[in-house]
Amino acid sequence: MNMIATLLMLALLALAGVRAEEEIDESDVVVLGTDNFDTVVADNEFVLVEFYAPWCGHCKRLKPEYAKAATELKESGVVLGMVDATVESDLAGKFEVRGYPTLKFFRGGKPADYNGGRTAPEIVAWCAKKSGPPSTELEADAVAAFVEGKAAVVGTFASRDSAAYKAFIDVAKDGDLDDFVFADVAGDADSVTLYTAHAEPQVAEGDDLKAFVLANGYPLVDELPAAWERYSKKGLPLAILFIDPAADNAALLAEATAAAAASEGKLSFSFADGVRFAQQIDRMGGRSGEVPQIAAMKLDGKANYPYDGELTSAALTAWAAGIADGSIQPHLKSEPVPEDNDGPVTVLVGKNIDEYLTQTEKDVLIEIYAPWCGHCKSLAPIYEELGAKYADNKNIVIAKIDGTANDVPALEYSGFPTLKFVSGGKVQDYDGGRTLDDFVAFFEKNSAHATAEGASGDKEEL
């Protein structure tokens, strides 16, 4: 999943409410640091480690789910630990932690990336699968209890020495199917049944079991944010139906599901709590405070498509087709143009940034930031100093834009903060360091206006 999808998307994840810290029992999560990390990993066959930052919204949301998973898994021999990466920087560097939270799974001391979900059941299912046999051998009368409340794949085989059974085990080991648990029973004939919460049990058809499970194992319209990672892997524009969780939404979800079936390969459909995630509706250009309503987004976070038509399958299908073929244009989100923009750092918004990207007379450094981003906050005072240094240079502009409140389709970026340098009407990535001296050195090397001659005159707006 690309970085911008992780960061921008669902600010749903950042907006999700977290219970008060005192209500979260983390007694089964081991606090790790340089003093005990190696010992814990060496003494336990299976260890899942979360590298987090105390200020990180995603980490705060994960916290209660991670704690519940730790309690559920402790009897199975899987240890869950956590590392404050802002304190244990050496550990974070050793395991190449570049964002928060980062989860690593250690099996026999060897680390691997955790790529499961972020709810307690998903964490438990993923760890159970990684720490145990790929498929659980069952008696026929134990199947009902095994599949209850799970997404499960159960095979029946006349012989566990058969090619069909071996192929089943290979599929069970596949990391793309970590959302599912596998079991097998002895029987008279070979067959495989898929059990899910959204449909009646389905007997697998065809020779490609993995493809069958992926195609049929999830609802066409699944709930966010839990299903976000799966949607992001598909890479299609994503429509989010914001609902009132207190209402009966069955008919509405049925309309969305029919539209999703008709729009496969063009646009994905999902749903989310429109009360809990009201701010996401605003961010996507929707009608503030209204549910139900639907809006779509491209997964790079730079195009949103609010919708104000009928919530019927036919209307939604036509809307999805228009997004796919380009006949429906995105809503470009923008804050108002600042009335007072005399500070050392010029504030840009979606409505005026093109003026700074296309002009050729000035050199412009633009920071794309997020208000909640810790790295952006660390950079802010340095960036202000840089702006002050060139405040009297009419040909150099130090600027910033809130990437969460403004759409900037003309710029490619994959995280916060991103810095772009505009010179002669051409945009390039800023690839220098983040200290004041680094920035000044960059300008002296790349901008003819950073000389005394280029600095003369009063600064002007573009």
Protein backbone atom coordinates (compact mmCIF):
# COMPACT_ATOMS: atom_id res chain seq x y z
CA MET A 1 0.00 0.00 0.00
CA ASN A 2 1.49 3.35 -0.98
CA MET A 3 2.34 5.89 1.67
CA ILE A 4 -0.12 8.60 0.68
CA ALA A 5 -2.96 6.12 0.83
CA THR A 6 -1.88 5.14 4.32
CA LEU A 7 -1.51 8.73 5.51
CA LEU A 8 -4.33 10.55 3.77
CA MET A 9 -6.96 7.98 3.47
CA LEU A 10 -9.14 7.82 6.00
CA ALA A 11 -8.18 10.31 8.08
CA LEU A 12 -10.83 7.82 9.12
CA LEU A 13 -8.04 6.14 10.97
CA ALA A 14 -6.80 9.38 12.45
CA LEU A 15 -10.31 10.49 13.32
CA ALA A 16 -11.41 7.23 14.89
CA GLY A 17 -12.19 7.65 18.54
CA VAL A 18 -10.01 5.99 21.15
CA ARG A 19 -11.27 5.09 24.56
CA ALA A 20 -9.79 6.86 27.52
CA GLU A 21 -6.35 5.53 28.25
CA GLU A 22 -7.20 4.39 31.76
CA GLU A 23 -9.82 2.03 30.32
CA ILE A 24 -7.26 0.12 28.27
CA ASP A 25 -5.71 -2.85 30.04
CA GLU A 26 -2.25 -3.26 28.51
CA SER A 27 -0.95 -5.62 31.19
CA ASP A 28 -0.42 -8.39 28.64
CA VAL A 29 1.62 -6.21 26.27
CA VAL A 30 5.36 -6.35 27.03
CA VAL A 31 7.13 -2.98 27.06
CA LEU A 32 10.34 -3.42 25.09
CA GLY A 33 13.55 -1.43 24.97
CA THR A 34 17.22 -1.96 24.34
CA ASP A 35 17.58 -3.53 27.80
CA ASN A 36 15.17 -6.43 27.18
CA PHE A 37 14.35 -6.60 23.46
CA ASP A 38 16.88 -9.28 22.48
CA THR A 39 16.04 -11.40 25.52
CA VAL A 40 12.29 -11.38 24.90
CA VAL A 41 12.73 -12.22 21.22
CA ALA A 42 15.24 -14.98 22.00
CA ASP A 43 13.13 -16.54 24.79
CA ASN A 44 9.89 -16.69 22.80
CA GLU A 45 9.30 -18.46 19.51
CA PHE A 46 6.66 -15.97 18.34
CA VAL A 47 6.76 -12.24 19.12
CA LEU A 48 4.75 -9.47 17.49
CA VAL A 49 6.29 -6.03 18.09
CA GLU A 50 4.64 -2.66 17.53
CA PHE A 51 6.97 0.30 16.99
CA TYR A 52 4.91 3.38 17.86
CA ALA A 53 5.08 7.09 18.59
CA PRO A 54 3.05 8.50 21.51
CA TRP A 55 1.66 11.34 19.37
CA CYS A 56 0.62 9.11 16.44
CA GLY A 57 -3.16 8.97 15.88
CA HIS A 58 -2.99 5.59 14.12
CA CYS A 59 -1.08 4.19 17.10
CA LYS A 60 -3.67 5.51 19.55
CA ARG A 61 -6.43 3.84 17.60
CA LEU A 62 -4.54 0.55 17.46
CA LYS A 63 -3.81 0.60 21.20
CA PRO A 64 -7.03 -0.99 22.57
CA GLU A 65 -7.16 -3.56 19.76
CA TYR A 66 -3.54 -4.52 20.30
CA ALA A 67 -4.10 -4.90 24.05
CA LYS A 68 -7.12 -7.16 23.53
CA ALA A 69 -5.18 -9.28 21.05
CA ALA A 70 -2.30 -9.63 23.52
CA THR A 71 -4.66 -10.98 26.17
CA GLU A 72 -6.29 -13.41 23.77
CA LEU A 73 -2.98 -14.70 22.40
CA LYS A 74 -1.00 -15.06 25.62
CA GLU A 75 -2.15 -18.64 26.24
CA SER A 76 -1.13 -19.66 22.71
CA GLY A 77 2.51 -18.72 23.18
CA VAL A 78 2.47 -15.56 21.06
CA VAL A 79 3.92 -12.54 22.86
CA LEU A 80 2.88 -9.01 21.89
CA GLY A 81 5.32 -6.23 22.68
CA MET A 82 5.61 -2.51 22.03
CA VAL A 83 8.54 -0.16 21.47
CA ASP A 84 8.35 3.61 21.81
CA ALA A 85 10.35 4.40 18.68
CA THR A 86 10.76 8.04 19.66
CA VAL A 87 12.77 6.89 22.69
CA GLU A 88 14.32 3.67 21.38
CA SER A 89 15.68 5.22 18.19
CA ASP A 90 18.46 2.63 17.83
CA LEU A 91 15.93 -0.22 17.78
CA ALA A 92 13.75 1.66 15.33
CA GLY A 93 16.73 2.23 13.06
CA LYS A 94 17.86 -1.38 13.28
CA PHE A 95 14.49 -2.60 12.01
CA GLU A 96 14.08 0.19 9.42
CA VAL A 97 11.03 1.79 11.01
CA ARG A 98 9.93 4.62 8.72
CA GLY A 99 6.39 5.25 9.90
CA TYR A 100 4.04 4.60 12.78
CA PRO A 101 2.83 2.18 13.75
CA THR A 102 5.20 -0.38 12.23
CA LEU A 103 4.63 -4.00 13.26
CA LYS A 104 7.20 -6.77 12.96
CA PHE A 105 6.62 -10.46 13.59
CA PHE A 106 9.54 -12.46 14.98
CA ARG A 107 9.55 -16.21 14.47
CA GLY A 108 12.59 -17.92 15.97
CA GLY A 109 14.23 -14.51 16.23
CA LYS A 110 13.83 -13.71 12.53
CA PRO A 111 11.76 -10.59 11.72
CA ALA A 112 9.12 -10.31 9.02
CA ASP A 113 6.66 -7.56 8.18
CA TYR A 114 3.20 -7.82 9.70
CA ASN A 115 0.62 -7.32 6.96
CA GLY A 116 -2.61 -8.21 8.74
CA GLY A 117 -5.51 -6.06 9.87
CA ARG A 118 -5.67 -3.64 12.78
CA THR A 119 -8.58 -5.03 14.80
CA ALA A 120 -8.12 -7.51 17.65
CA PRO A 121 -9.77 -10.43 15.77
CA GLU A 122 -7.63 -9.76 12.70
CA ILE A 123 -4.44 -9.60 14.74
CA VAL A 124 -5.35 -12.81 16.55
CA ALA A 125 -6.24 -14.63 13.32
CA TRP A 126 -3.03 -13.49 11.61
CA CYS A 127 -0.80 -14.49 14.52
CA ALA A 128 -2.59 -17.81 14.96
CA LYS A 129 -2.02 -18.59 11.33
CA LYS A 130 1.65 -17.61 11.40
CA SER A 131 2.39 -19.43 14.66
CA GLY A 132 0.52 -22.65 14.04
CA PRO A 133 -0.05 -25.17 11.28
CA PRO A 134 -1.54 -23.68 8.09
CA SER A 135 -4.65 -25.83 8.49
CA THR A 136 -6.27 -27.30 11.61
CA GLU A 137 -7.25 -30.95 11.45
CA LEU A 138 -10.85 -31.38 12.68
CA GLU A 139 -13.47 -34.01 13.17
CA ALA A 140 -16.60 -33.40 11.10
CA ASP A 141 -18.71 -32.57 14.16
CA ALA A 142 -16.28 -29.81 15.19
CA VAL A 143 -16.59 -27.75 11.99
CA ALA A 144 -19.59 -25.67 13.10
CA ALA A 145 -17.85 -24.48 16.26
CA PHE A 146 -14.60 -23.81 14.38
CA VAL A 147 -16.16 -21.56 11.72
CA GLU A 148 -18.42 -19.59 14.08
CA GLY A 149 -17.59 -15.89 13.89
CA LYS A 150 -14.69 -16.48 11.47
CA ALA A 151 -13.92 -16.20 7.79
CA ALA A 152 -12.96 -19.84 7.28
CA VAL A 153 -12.03 -22.26 4.53
CA VAL A 154 -12.70 -25.91 5.33
CA GLY A 155 -11.59 -28.74 3.09
CA THR A 156 -12.88 -32.30 3.12
CA PHE A 157 -10.48 -34.91 1.73
CA ALA A 158 -10.61 -38.62 1.18
CA SER A 159 -6.86 -38.74 1.80
CA ARG A 160 -4.40 -36.32 3.35
CA ASP A 161 -1.75 -37.80 1.08
CA SER A 162 -3.54 -36.67 -2.07
CA ALA A 163 -2.43 -33.96 -4.48
CA ALA A 164 -5.66 -32.10 -3.76
CA TYR A 165 -4.87 -31.92 -0.04
CA LYS A 166 -1.31 -30.74 -0.70
CA ALA A 167 -2.64 -28.01 -3.01
CA PHE A 168 -5.09 -26.97 -0.27
CA ILE A 169 -2.24 -26.64 2.25
CA ASP A 170 -0.24 -24.53 -0.20
CA VAL A 171 -3.18 -22.14 -0.49
CA ALA A 172 -3.57 -22.08 3.30
CA LYS A 173 0.03 -20.88 3.59
CA ASP A 174 -0.50 -17.98 1.16
CA GLY A 175 0.03 -14.63 2.85
CA ASP A 176 -2.67 -13.01 0.71
CA LEU A 177 -5.24 -15.11 2.57
CA ASP A 178 -4.24 -14.18 6.11
CA ASP A 179 -7.76 -12.94 6.79
CA PHE A 180 -9.00 -16.53 6.62
CA VAL A 181 -8.45 -19.54 8.86
CA PHE A 182 -8.17 -22.99 7.29
CA ALA A 183 -9.21 -26.42 8.53
CA ASP A 184 -9.55 -29.86 7.03
CA VAL A 185 -11.59 -32.98 7.81
CA ALA A 186 -11.56 -36.54 6.57
CA GLY A 187 -14.44 -37.50 4.29
CA ASP A 188 -15.55 -39.64 1.39
CA ALA A 189 -14.94 -37.07 -1.37
CA ASP A 190 -12.80 -33.97 -1.89
CA SER A 191 -14.51 -30.58 -1.54
CA VAL A 192 -13.80 -27.15 -0.08
CA THR A 193 -16.34 -24.84 1.57
CA LEU A 194 -15.95 -21.12 2.25
CA TYR A 195 -17.66 -19.72 5.36
CA THR A 196 -18.20 -15.97 5.79
CA ALA A 197 -20.46 -13.68 7.79
CA HIS A 198 -21.89 -11.97 4.69
CA ALA A 199 -23.08 -15.03 2.76
CA GLU A 200 -24.25 -18.59 3.11
CA PRO A 201 -21.51 -21.27 2.97
CA GLN A 202 -20.14 -21.51 -0.57
CA VAL A 203 -18.66 -24.64 -2.13
CA ALA A 204 -15.50 -23.70 -4.03
CA GLU A 205 -15.67 -23.99 -7.79
CA GLY A 206 -12.88 -24.18 -10.34
CA ASP A 207 -9.23 -25.08 -10.03
CA ASP A 208 -7.97 -21.84 -8.47
CA LEU A 209 -8.95 -21.95 -4.79
CA LYS A 210 -7.09 -18.77 -3.90
CA ALA A 211 -8.89 -16.79 -6.59
CA PHE A 212 -12.23 -18.20 -5.45
CA VAL A 213 -11.63 -17.21 -1.83
CA LEU A 214 -10.48 -13.70 -2.73
CA ALA A 215 -13.45 -13.21 -5.06
CA ASN A 216 -16.08 -14.55 -2.68
CA GLY A 217 -14.62 -14.20 0.80
CA TYR A 218 -15.38 -10.51 1.28
CA PRO A 219 -18.60 -8.51 0.93
CA LEU A 220 -18.69 -6.29 -2.15
CA VAL A 221 -19.41 -3.37 0.18
CA ASP A 222 -17.25 -3.71 3.28
CA GLU A 223 -16.81 -1.45 6.30
CA LEU A 224 -14.04 1.08 6.77
CA PRO A 225 -11.58 1.58 8.25
CA ALA A 226 -11.09 -2.15 8.93
CA ALA A 227 -11.18 -3.10 5.24
CA TRP A 228 -9.01 -0.22 4.03
CA GLU A 229 -5.87 -2.24 3.33
CA ARG A 230 -7.72 -4.68 1.09
CA TYR A 231 -9.34 -1.87 -0.89
CA SER A 232 -5.99 -0.15 -1.26
CA LYS A 233 -4.49 -3.30 -2.81
CA LYS A 234 -7.16 -3.22 -5.51
CA GLY A 235 -6.06 0.29 -6.46
CA LEU A 236 -9.46 1.40 -7.78
CA PRO A 237 -11.19 4.66 -6.87
CA LEU A 238 -13.15 4.07 -3.68
CA ALA A 239 -16.71 5.17 -2.95
CA ILE A 240 -17.60 5.50 0.74
CA LEU A 241 -21.24 5.35 1.76
CA PHE A 242 -21.53 7.28 5.00
CA ILE A 243 -24.41 5.86 7.04
CA ASP A 244 -26.21 6.55 10.29
CA PRO A 245 -25.28 3.56 12.46
CA ALA A 246 -28.50 3.93 14.44
CA ALA A 247 -30.66 3.51 11.33
CA ASP A 248 -31.74 0.41 9.43
CA ASN A 249 -29.34 0.53 6.48
CA ALA A 250 -30.13 -2.85 4.94
CA ALA A 251 -31.98 -1.49 1.89
CA LEU A 252 -29.38 1.21 1.31
CA LEU A 253 -26.49 -1.28 1.50
CA ALA A 254 -28.35 -3.55 -0.91
CA GLU A 255 -28.51 -0.70 -3.46
CA ALA A 256 -24.80 -0.02 -2.98
CA THR A 257 -24.00 -3.72 -3.32
CA ALA A 258 -25.89 -3.92 -6.61
CA ALA A 259 -23.98 -0.86 -7.86
CA ALA A 260 -20.71 -2.42 -6.70
CA ALA A 261 -21.47 -5.61 -8.64
CA ALA A 262 -22.20 -3.59 -11.78
CA SER A 263 -19.06 -1.46 -11.33
CA GLU A 264 -16.46 -4.16 -10.68
CA GLY A 265 -13.13 -3.23 -12.18
CA LYS A 266 -14.07 0.45 -12.33
CA LEU A 267 -14.73 1.59 -8.77
CA SER A 268 -14.97 -0.08 -5.36
CA PHE A 269 -17.77 0.57 -2.87
CA SER A 270 -17.49 0.63 0.92
CA PHE A 271 -19.36 2.08 3.89
CA ALA A 272 -18.43 3.90 7.09
CA ASP A 273 -20.04 5.40 10.16
CA GLY A 274 -21.06 8.87 8.96
CA VAL A 275 -21.53 10.15 12.50
CA ARG A 276 -18.16 8.99 13.78
CA PHE A 277 -16.37 10.09 10.63
CA ALA A 278 -18.25 13.30 9.86
CA GLN A 279 -15.01 15.18 9.22
CA GLN A 280 -14.12 12.77 6.43
CA ILE A 281 -17.31 13.75 4.63
CA ASP A 282 -16.19 17.38 4.77
CA ARG A 283 -12.72 16.46 3.53
CA MET A 284 -14.22 14.74 0.51
CA GLY A 285 -16.34 17.74 -0.39
CA GLY A 286 -19.62 16.28 0.85
CA ARG A 287 -22.57 17.93 2.59
CA SER A 288 -21.53 18.64 6.15
CA GLY A 289 -23.58 16.92 8.85
CA GLU A 290 -25.76 14.83 6.50
CA VAL A 291 -26.18 11.06 6.49
CA PRO A 292 -26.64 8.99 4.50
CA GLN A 293 -24.54 10.26 1.61
CA ILE A 294 -21.78 8.92 -0.59
CA ALA A 295 -18.52 10.29 -1.96
CA ALA A 296 -15.61 8.74 -3.81
CA MET A 297 -11.88 9.29 -3.70
CA LYS A 298 -8.85 8.25 -5.70
CA LEU A 299 -6.41 6.34 -3.55
CA ASP A 300 -3.58 8.81 -4.06
CA GLY A 301 -5.73 11.15 -1.94
CA LYS A 302 -5.71 13.90 -4.55
CA ALA A 303 -9.16 13.65 -6.14
CA ASN A 304 -12.59 13.52 -4.48
CA TYR A 305 -16.01 13.04 -6.02
CA PRO A 306 -18.93 14.11 -3.79
CA TYR A 307 -22.37 12.95 -4.95
CA ASP A 308 -25.79 14.49 -4.45
CA GLY A 309 -28.04 12.28 -6.57
CA GLU A 310 -30.36 9.42 -5.71
CA LEU A 311 -28.94 6.55 -3.68
CA THR A 312 -30.24 3.87 -6.04
CA SER A 313 -28.20 1.15 -7.71
CA ALA A 314 -28.88 2.53 -11.21
CA ALA A 315 -27.88 6.10 -10.28
CA LEU A 316 -24.80 4.97 -8.37
CA THR A 317 -23.73 2.71 -11.24
CA ALA A 318 -23.95 5.63 -13.68
CA TRP A 319 -21.99 7.83 -11.27
CA ALA A 320 -19.26 5.20 -10.94
CA ALA A 321 -19.02 4.87 -14.72
CA GLY A 322 -18.64 8.65 -15.04
CA ILE A 323 -15.77 8.68 -12.56
CA ALA A 324 -14.09 5.80 -14.39
CA ASP A 325 -14.37 7.34 -17.88
CA GLY A 326 -13.52 10.88 -16.76
CA SER A 327 -16.84 12.45 -17.66
CA ILE A 328 -17.36 13.34 -14.00
CA GLN A 329 -14.68 15.76 -12.84
CA PRO A 330 -13.27 15.72 -9.31
CA HIS A 331 -14.13 18.29 -6.70
CA LEU A 332 -10.96 20.24 -5.94
CA LYS A 333 -10.80 20.93 -2.24
CA SER A 334 -9.32 24.26 -1.17
CA GLU A 335 -9.12 26.44 1.90
CA PRO A 336 -9.92 30.12 1.35
CA VAL A 337 -7.08 32.25 -0.04
CA PRO A 338 -5.55 33.97 3.01
CA GLU A 339 -6.39 37.66 3.28
CA ASP A 340 -3.19 38.33 5.22
CA ASN A 341 -0.19 36.49 3.83
CA ASP A 342 2.68 38.64 5.04
CA GLY A 343 4.47 36.08 7.22
CA PRO A 344 7.91 34.68 6.43
CA VAL A 345 6.29 31.53 5.00
CA THR A 346 3.68 32.13 2.29
CA VAL A 347 0.51 30.07 2.83
CA LEU A 348 -0.77 28.45 -0.34
CA VAL A 349 -4.15 26.81 -0.93
CA GLY A 350 -5.69 24.75 -3.70
CA LYS A 351 -7.17 27.83 -5.37
CA ASN A 352 -3.88 29.66 -5.86
CA ILE A 353 -1.07 27.11 -5.91
CA ASP A 354 -0.98 26.87 -9.72
CA GLU A 355 0.21 30.49 -9.83
CA TYR A 356 3.32 29.42 -7.93
CA LEU A 357 3.86 26.24 -9.93
CA THR A 358 3.79 27.86 -13.37
CA GLN A 359 5.47 31.23 -12.96
CA THR A 360 9.06 31.57 -14.18
CA GLU A 361 10.36 34.73 -12.50
CA LYS A 362 10.77 33.45 -8.97
CA ASP A 363 12.19 30.35 -7.28
CA VAL A 364 9.71 28.75 -4.90
CA LEU A 365 10.17 26.08 -2.22
CA ILE A 366 6.85 24.46 -1.25
CA GLU A 367 6.28 22.26 1.77
CA ILE A 368 3.27 19.95 1.60
CA TYR A 369 2.42 19.16 5.21
CA ALA A 370 -0.25 17.66 7.47
CA PRO A 371 -1.23 19.40 10.71
CA TRP A 372 -0.98 16.14 12.68
CA CYS A 373 2.38 15.07 11.21
CA GLY A 374 5.16 14.93 13.82
CA HIS A 375 7.95 15.39 11.27
CA CYS A 376 6.14 18.46 9.90
CA LYS A 377 5.92 19.93 13.39
CA SER A 378 9.65 19.39 13.89
CA LEU A 379 10.41 21.08 10.59
CA ALA A 380 8.13 24.09 11.21
CA PRO A 381 10.52 26.35 13.23
CA ILE A 382 13.39 25.68 10.82
CA TYR A 383 11.15 26.44 7.87
CA GLU A 384 10.06 29.70 9.49
CA GLU A 385 13.73 30.65 9.92
CA LEU A 386 14.32 29.92 6.26
CA GLY A 387 11.39 32.12 5.31
CA ALA A 388 12.73 34.91 7.49
CA LYS A 389 16.17 34.61 5.88
CA TYR A 390 14.75 35.22 2.42
CA ALA A 391 11.92 37.54 3.50
CA ASP A 392 13.51 40.53 1.72
CA ASN A 393 14.36 38.61 -1.44
CA LYS A 394 11.63 39.39 -3.97
CA ASN A 395 12.66 36.46 -6.18
CA ILE A 396 12.56 33.66 -3.59
CA VAL A 397 9.34 32.39 -2.01
CA ILE A 398 9.26 29.96 0.92
CA ALA A 399 5.75 28.48 0.95
CA LYS A 400 3.65 25.75 2.48
CA ILE A 401 0.30 24.08 1.82
CA ASP A 402 -1.83 21.83 4.02
CA GLY A 403 -2.05 18.63 1.99
CA THR A 404 -5.01 17.36 4.01
CA ALA A 405 -7.18 20.46 3.41
CA ASN A 406 -6.26 21.21 -0.21
CA ASP A 407 -6.18 19.10 -3.35
CA VAL A 408 -3.04 19.55 -5.43
CA PRO A 409 -3.40 17.22 -8.44
CA ALA A 410 -0.44 18.84 -10.22
CA LEU A 411 2.04 17.58 -7.62
CA GLU A 412 3.13 14.01 -7.02
CA TYR A 413 3.90 13.25 -3.40
CA SER A 414 3.87 10.18 -1.19
CA GLY A 415 3.98 11.40 2.39
CA PHE A 416 4.35 14.34 4.74
CA PRO A 417 6.27 16.53 4.70
CA THR A 418 7.13 16.63 1.00
CA LEU A 419 9.18 19.52 -0.38
CA LYS A 420 9.08 20.70 -4.00
CA PHE A 421 11.36 23.27 -5.63
CA VAL A 422 9.99 25.35 -8.51
CA SER A 423 12.47 27.17 -10.74
CA GLY A 424 11.94 28.46 -14.25
CA GLY A 425 8.43 27.01 -14.26
CA LYS A 426 9.72 23.49 -13.64
CA VAL A 427 8.94 21.46 -10.53
CA GLN A 428 11.50 19.14 -8.99
CA ASP A 429 11.81 17.21 -5.75
CA TYR A 430 13.82 18.86 -3.00
CA ASP A 431 16.44 16.28 -2.10
CA GLY A 432 18.50 18.15 0.49
CA GLY A 433 18.69 17.96 4.25
CA ARG A 434 16.26 19.50 6.71
CA THR A 435 18.48 21.91 8.67
CA LEU A 436 18.61 25.63 7.99
CA ASP A 437 22.16 25.30 6.67
CA ASP A 438 21.03 22.49 4.34
CA PHE A 439 18.26 24.63 2.88
CA VAL A 440 20.53 27.63 2.41
CA ALA A 441 23.18 25.48 0.74
CA PHE A 442 20.51 24.11 -1.61
CA PHE A 443 19.40 27.61 -2.63
CA GLU A 444 22.96 28.81 -3.13
CA LYS A 445 23.57 25.86 -5.43
CA ASN A 446 20.27 25.82 -7.31
CA SER A 447 18.91 29.37 -7.31
CA ALA A 448 20.50 32.31 -9.09
CA HIS A 449 18.33 34.54 -6.89
CA ALA A 450 20.07 33.48 -3.67
CA THR A 451 22.91 35.92 -4.38
CA ALA A 452 23.11 39.49 -3.14
CA GLU A 453 22.12 40.69 -6.62
CA GLY A 454 19.01 38.52 -6.61
CA ALA A 455 18.00 39.69 -3.15
CA SER A 456 17.52 43.37 -3.94
CA GLY A 457 14.10 44.98 -3.82
CA ASP A 458 10.98 44.59 -1.72
CA LYS A 459 9.19 41.25 -1.71
CA GLU A 460 6.00 41.14 -3.78
CA GLU A 461 3.05 38.78 -4.06
CA LEU A 462 2.86 36.80 -7.29
